[in-house]
Protein backbone atom coordinates (compact mmCIF):
# COMPACT_ATOMS: atom_id res chain seq x y z
CA UNK A 1 69.88 -175.83 16.68
CA UNK A 2 73.47 -176.52 16.44
CA UNK A 3 75.60 -174.26 14.23
CA UNK A 4 77.68 -175.51 11.24
CA UNK A 5 80.70 -174.70 13.31
CA UNK A 6 79.21 -176.53 16.46
CA UNK A 7 78.58 -179.66 14.16
CA UNK A 8 82.10 -179.32 12.44
CA UNK A 9 83.77 -178.89 15.82
CA UNK A 10 81.97 -182.01 17.32
CA UNK A 11 82.80 -183.81 13.97
CA UNK A 12 86.45 -182.92 14.54
CA UNK A 13 86.56 -183.79 18.15
CA UNK A 14 85.47 -187.18 17.16
CA UNK A 15 88.78 -187.71 15.22
CA UNK A 16 87.14 -187.27 11.90
CA UNK A 17 89.31 -186.13 9.19
CA UNK A 18 88.48 -182.92 7.29
CA UNK A 19 87.50 -184.80 4.26
CA UNK A 20 85.12 -187.21 6.20
CA UNK A 21 83.68 -184.25 7.88
CA UNK A 22 83.17 -182.57 4.25
CA UNK A 23 81.50 -185.57 2.83
CA UNK A 24 79.42 -185.98 6.12
CA UNK A 25 78.10 -182.38 5.69
CA UNK A 26 77.37 -182.93 2.13
CA UNK A 27 75.75 -186.27 3.13
CA UNK A 28 73.65 -184.27 5.79
CA UNK A 29 72.54 -181.55 2.93
CA UNK A 30 74.16 -179.16 4.79
CA UNK A 31 74.78 -175.85 2.21
CA UNK A 32 78.12 -174.20 2.19
CA UNK A 33 77.97 -170.39 1.90
CA UNK A 34 78.06 -170.29 -2.02
CA UNK A 35 75.98 -173.13 -2.03
CA UNK A 36 78.34 -175.87 -3.40
CA UNK A 37 79.98 -179.18 -2.11
CA UNK A 38 81.90 -178.95 0.91
CA UNK A 39 85.53 -179.51 0.56
CA UNK A 40 88.28 -179.92 3.30
CA UNK A 41 89.86 -176.51 2.70
CA UNK A 42 86.43 -174.98 3.74
CA UNK A 43 85.96 -177.33 6.79
CA UNK A 44 89.52 -176.10 8.11
CA UNK A 45 88.67 -172.66 7.60
CA UNK A 46 85.59 -172.99 9.84
CA UNK A 47 87.63 -174.72 12.47
CA UNK A 48 90.37 -171.90 12.52
CA UNK A 49 87.87 -169.21 13.05
CA UNK A 50 88.21 -167.84 16.62
């Protein structure tokens, strides 16, 4: 099973924008840590983690 980080990394690798990734995660029903909607800033934070 892929992690959220792997999923986001794959989408970014395909050239998707941060906003497009956030929309796709919401469409797929992937929860955020706090249970809200995904935002571009959250996607960027996940990608920035080592």
